[in-house]
Amino acid sequence: MKSFSPDKVQNKIINRIEREEKKQAFKRDRFFKFKIGEIHNALSQTLLMKKIIETDNPAAISDSLLKGLKRLLHITEFDLRYAIAPIRDVVQRPNLFSLYMTQYIMETLIDDPDVIEIYGTDEEIYRVVNEIFSRINIRFDRAEKEIMDQLARNKTLVPGSGEYEIAMDQLFRKKMGPPQEQGNTPPPQMILMLSQFNAIPLCSWILI
């Protein structure tokens, strides 16, 4: 008769949690690897056009937002949860990435010398930021599922092997384009457009 070992059970639980954390970390890395440029451009355009951020230098604000996204790309789980702690209860079941960028805007970007003013409450800004992350993530998840289904149909590939990882990377590049790890600089036309929008008086934009 086998004896019950609490230590073995605990180790199994810990190993399962660690595997899940690694899985989520890999998924996060892929998401930002291929989507950071799209997220950056959407955040810059939305926050400025909706007059959430008032500035005379849209290009500088865009660069500052990219810095925040790059920090998020490389942040540890512990540092992420520490950073969002002040606003973790702003909504129920929040998106941690959206929380981080909301906190970055409210606590770091607000001190940027190129920022004249930031309008809105934590929750209002979170909802604007989260709408962007959610929209892009939905498309990413759909594309990722199609890629994983395609890999699963290839019986010659073993999950976790070098060949599998290479094939997966090739499929991601084919479907989503090259990695955007450094983000994209908004084109001059967008910067000009945002400058024009930033001259418009504050209007009603709040998402309820």
Protein backbone atom coordinates (compact mmCIF):
# COMPACT_ATOMS: atom_id res chain seq x y z
CA MET A 1 0.00 0.00 0.00
CA LYS A 2 1.40 3.36 -1.04
CA SER A 3 1.85 5.94 1.69
CA PHE A 4 0.43 9.42 1.28
CA SER A 5 3.13 12.08 0.95
CA PRO A 6 2.05 15.69 1.48
CA ASP A 7 5.39 16.87 0.10
CA LYS A 8 4.84 15.07 -3.22
CA VAL A 9 1.36 16.53 -3.55
CA GLN A 10 2.66 20.01 -2.78
CA ASN A 11 5.49 19.64 -5.28
CA LYS A 12 3.03 18.57 -7.98
CA ILE A 13 0.89 21.61 -7.30
CA ILE A 14 3.91 23.91 -7.36
CA ASN A 15 5.17 22.36 -10.60
CA ARG A 16 1.74 22.74 -12.21
CA ILE A 17 1.58 26.41 -11.17
CA GLU A 18 5.09 27.02 -12.49
CA ARG A 19 4.23 25.39 -15.82
CA GLU A 20 1.11 27.54 -16.12
CA GLU A 21 3.09 30.69 -15.27
CA LYS A 22 5.69 29.83 -17.92
CA LYS A 23 2.93 29.16 -20.44
CA GLN A 24 1.35 32.53 -19.72
CA ALA A 25 4.76 34.24 -19.89
CA PHE A 26 5.44 32.72 -23.32
CA LYS A 27 2.00 33.80 -24.51
CA ARG A 28 2.60 37.34 -23.22
CA ASP A 29 5.98 37.46 -24.96
CA ARG A 30 4.46 36.34 -28.26
CA PHE A 31 1.63 38.83 -27.95
CA PHE A 32 3.96 41.78 -27.42
CA LYS A 33 6.56 40.44 -29.84
CA PHE A 34 4.10 40.65 -32.72
CA LYS A 35 1.65 43.30 -31.50
CA ILE A 36 3.58 45.95 -29.59
CA GLY A 37 3.70 48.22 -32.64
CA GLU A 38 -0.04 47.97 -33.21
CA ILE A 39 -0.77 48.55 -29.52
CA HIS A 40 1.60 51.51 -29.42
CA ASN A 41 0.06 53.22 -32.43
CA ALA A 42 -3.50 52.61 -31.22
CA LEU A 43 -2.73 53.91 -27.72
CA SER A 44 -0.98 57.01 -29.01
CA GLN A 45 -3.76 57.84 -31.46
CA THR A 46 -6.65 57.15 -29.07
CA LEU A 47 -5.27 58.89 -25.99
CA LEU A 48 -4.44 62.02 -27.96
CA MET A 49 -7.48 62.16 -30.23
CA LYS A 50 -9.84 61.66 -27.30
CA LYS A 51 -8.02 64.42 -25.42
CA ILE A 52 -7.17 62.16 -22.51
CA ILE A 53 -3.62 63.49 -22.77
CA GLU A 54 -3.13 67.15 -23.59
CA THR A 55 0.23 68.03 -25.10
CA ASP A 56 1.97 70.27 -27.59
CA ASN A 57 4.35 67.46 -28.56
CA PRO A 58 2.47 64.31 -29.69
CA ALA A 59 5.67 62.65 -30.94
CA ALA A 60 7.26 62.87 -27.48
CA ILE A 61 4.15 61.44 -25.83
CA SER A 62 4.12 58.60 -28.35
CA ASP A 63 7.74 57.83 -27.47
CA SER A 64 6.90 57.86 -23.74
CA LEU A 65 4.03 55.45 -24.26
CA LEU A 66 6.37 53.12 -26.14
CA LYS A 67 8.75 53.19 -23.17
CA GLY A 68 5.90 52.07 -20.93
CA LEU A 69 5.03 49.21 -23.28
CA LYS A 70 8.66 48.09 -23.41
CA ARG A 71 8.77 48.02 -19.62
CA LEU A 72 5.64 45.90 -19.64
CA LEU A 73 7.21 43.56 -22.19
CA HIS A 74 10.12 42.71 -19.88
CA ILE A 75 8.49 43.05 -16.45
CA THR A 76 8.44 40.15 -14.00
CA GLU A 77 5.20 38.79 -12.55
CA PHE A 78 6.14 40.15 -9.10
CA ASP A 79 6.99 43.64 -10.38
CA LEU A 80 3.83 43.72 -12.49
CA ARG A 81 1.59 42.98 -9.53
CA TYR A 82 3.50 45.45 -7.37
CA ALA A 83 3.13 48.20 -9.98
CA ILE A 84 -0.63 47.77 -10.36
CA ALA A 85 -1.37 47.35 -6.65
CA PRO A 86 -2.62 50.95 -6.16
CA ILE A 87 -5.40 50.50 -8.75
CA ARG A 88 -5.96 46.73 -8.78
CA ASP A 89 -9.57 47.20 -7.60
CA VAL A 90 -10.49 49.84 -10.17
CA VAL A 91 -12.74 47.29 -11.93
CA GLN A 92 -13.69 43.68 -11.35
CA ARG A 93 -11.46 41.08 -13.03
CA PRO A 94 -9.20 43.64 -14.73
CA ASN A 95 -6.71 42.99 -17.50
CA LEU A 96 -3.28 43.26 -15.84
CA PHE A 97 -1.66 44.77 -18.95
CA SER A 98 -4.33 47.45 -19.16
CA LEU A 99 -3.96 48.15 -15.44
CA TYR A 100 -0.21 48.57 -15.83
CA MET A 101 -0.49 51.06 -18.68
CA THR A 102 -3.23 52.94 -16.82
CA GLN A 103 -0.98 53.22 -13.78
CA TYR A 104 1.93 54.21 -16.03
CA ILE A 105 -0.13 57.02 -17.53
CA MET A 106 -1.42 58.27 -14.18
CA GLU A 107 1.80 57.97 -12.18
CA THR A 108 4.71 58.23 -14.64
CA LEU A 109 3.53 59.89 -17.83
CA ILE A 110 1.78 62.66 -15.90
CA ASP A 111 5.21 63.93 -14.80
CA ASP A 112 6.50 64.06 -18.37
CA PRO A 113 7.45 67.67 -19.21
CA ASP A 114 5.63 67.37 -22.53
CA VAL A 115 2.32 66.54 -20.81
CA ILE A 116 0.14 69.58 -20.16
CA GLU A 117 -2.67 67.67 -18.47
CA ILE A 118 -4.22 64.21 -18.22
CA TYR A 119 -8.01 64.04 -18.02
CA GLY A 120 -10.17 61.31 -16.54
CA THR A 121 -10.32 59.04 -13.52
CA ASP A 122 -8.36 55.81 -13.15
CA GLU A 123 -11.41 53.81 -14.22
CA GLU A 124 -12.19 56.00 -17.23
CA ILE A 125 -8.62 55.79 -18.51
CA TYR A 126 -8.48 52.06 -17.79
CA ARG A 127 -11.57 51.45 -19.92
CA VAL A 128 -10.08 53.34 -22.86
CA VAL A 129 -6.76 51.50 -22.59
CA ASN A 130 -8.42 48.14 -22.04
CA GLU A 131 -10.64 48.51 -25.10
CA ILE A 132 -7.48 48.73 -27.20
CA PHE A 133 -5.78 45.76 -25.55
CA SER A 134 -8.96 43.67 -25.73
CA ARG A 135 -9.61 44.41 -29.40
CA ILE A 136 -6.06 43.54 -30.43
CA ASN A 137 -5.89 40.52 -28.13
CA ILE A 138 -9.09 39.03 -29.56
CA ARG A 139 -7.59 39.09 -33.05
CA PHE A 140 -4.31 37.71 -31.73
CA ASP A 141 -6.01 34.84 -29.89
CA ARG A 142 -7.97 33.92 -33.02
CA ALA A 143 -4.82 33.88 -35.13
CA GLU A 144 -2.88 31.98 -32.46
CA LYS A 145 -5.56 29.28 -32.30
CA GLU A 146 -5.45 28.82 -36.05
CA ILE A 147 -1.67 28.42 -35.87
CA MET A 148 -1.83 25.92 -33.01
CA ASP A 149 -4.51 23.91 -34.83
CA GLN A 150 -2.32 23.82 -37.92
CA LEU A 151 0.66 22.62 -35.87
CA ALA A 152 -1.48 19.95 -34.19
CA ARG A 153 -2.39 18.51 -37.58
CA ASN A 154 1.29 18.01 -38.41
CA LYS A 155 2.02 14.65 -36.77
CA THR A 156 5.75 14.92 -37.51
CA LEU A 157 6.16 17.80 -35.04
CA VAL A 158 6.56 17.12 -31.33
CA PRO A 159 5.42 19.96 -29.03
CA GLY A 160 8.40 21.43 -27.19
CA SER A 161 10.96 20.23 -29.73
CA GLY A 162 13.24 22.60 -31.62
CA GLU A 163 11.52 21.77 -34.90
CA TYR A 164 8.13 22.55 -33.37
CA GLU A 165 9.31 25.95 -32.08
CA ILE A 166 10.83 26.85 -35.45
CA ALA A 167 7.67 25.85 -37.30
CA MET A 168 5.53 27.84 -34.86
CA ASP A 169 7.69 30.95 -35.24
CA GLN A 170 7.52 30.68 -39.04
CA LEU A 171 3.73 30.41 -38.95
CA PHE A 172 3.42 33.41 -36.65
CA ARG A 173 5.65 35.47 -38.94
CA LYS A 174 3.68 34.36 -41.99
CA LYS A 175 0.33 35.24 -40.42
CA MET A 176 1.27 38.38 -38.44
CA GLY A 177 4.34 39.73 -40.18
CA PRO A 178 7.80 40.24 -38.65
CA PRO A 179 8.17 40.82 -34.90
CA GLN A 180 7.64 44.39 -33.72
CA GLU A 181 9.71 44.15 -30.53
CA GLN A 182 10.89 47.74 -30.80
CA GLY A 183 7.47 49.15 -31.63
CA ASN A 184 6.71 51.45 -34.52
CA THR A 185 7.25 55.17 -34.84
CA PRO A 186 3.95 56.72 -35.95
CA PRO A 187 4.20 58.07 -39.49
CA PRO A 188 4.53 61.87 -39.95
CA GLN A 189 0.94 62.07 -41.24
CA MET A 190 -0.37 60.60 -37.97
CA ILE A 191 1.76 62.96 -35.87
CA LEU A 192 0.41 65.92 -37.85
CA MET A 193 -3.16 64.68 -37.48
CA LEU A 194 -2.72 64.19 -33.73
CA SER A 195 -1.25 67.67 -33.41
CA GLN A 196 -4.35 69.08 -35.10
CA PHE A 197 -6.67 67.08 -32.86
CA ASN A 198 -4.80 68.22 -29.78
CA ALA A 199 -5.69 71.80 -30.63
CA ILE A 200 -9.41 71.00 -30.42
CA PRO A 201 -11.12 71.98 -27.12
CA LEU A 202 -11.86 69.18 -24.68
CA CYS A 203 -15.01 67.31 -25.63
CA SER A 204 -17.07 64.53 -24.10
CA TRP A 205 -15.26 61.25 -24.64
CA ILE A 206 -15.61 59.32 -21.38
CA LEU A 207 -16.46 55.63 -21.69
CA ILE A 208 -18.98 54.60 -19.06
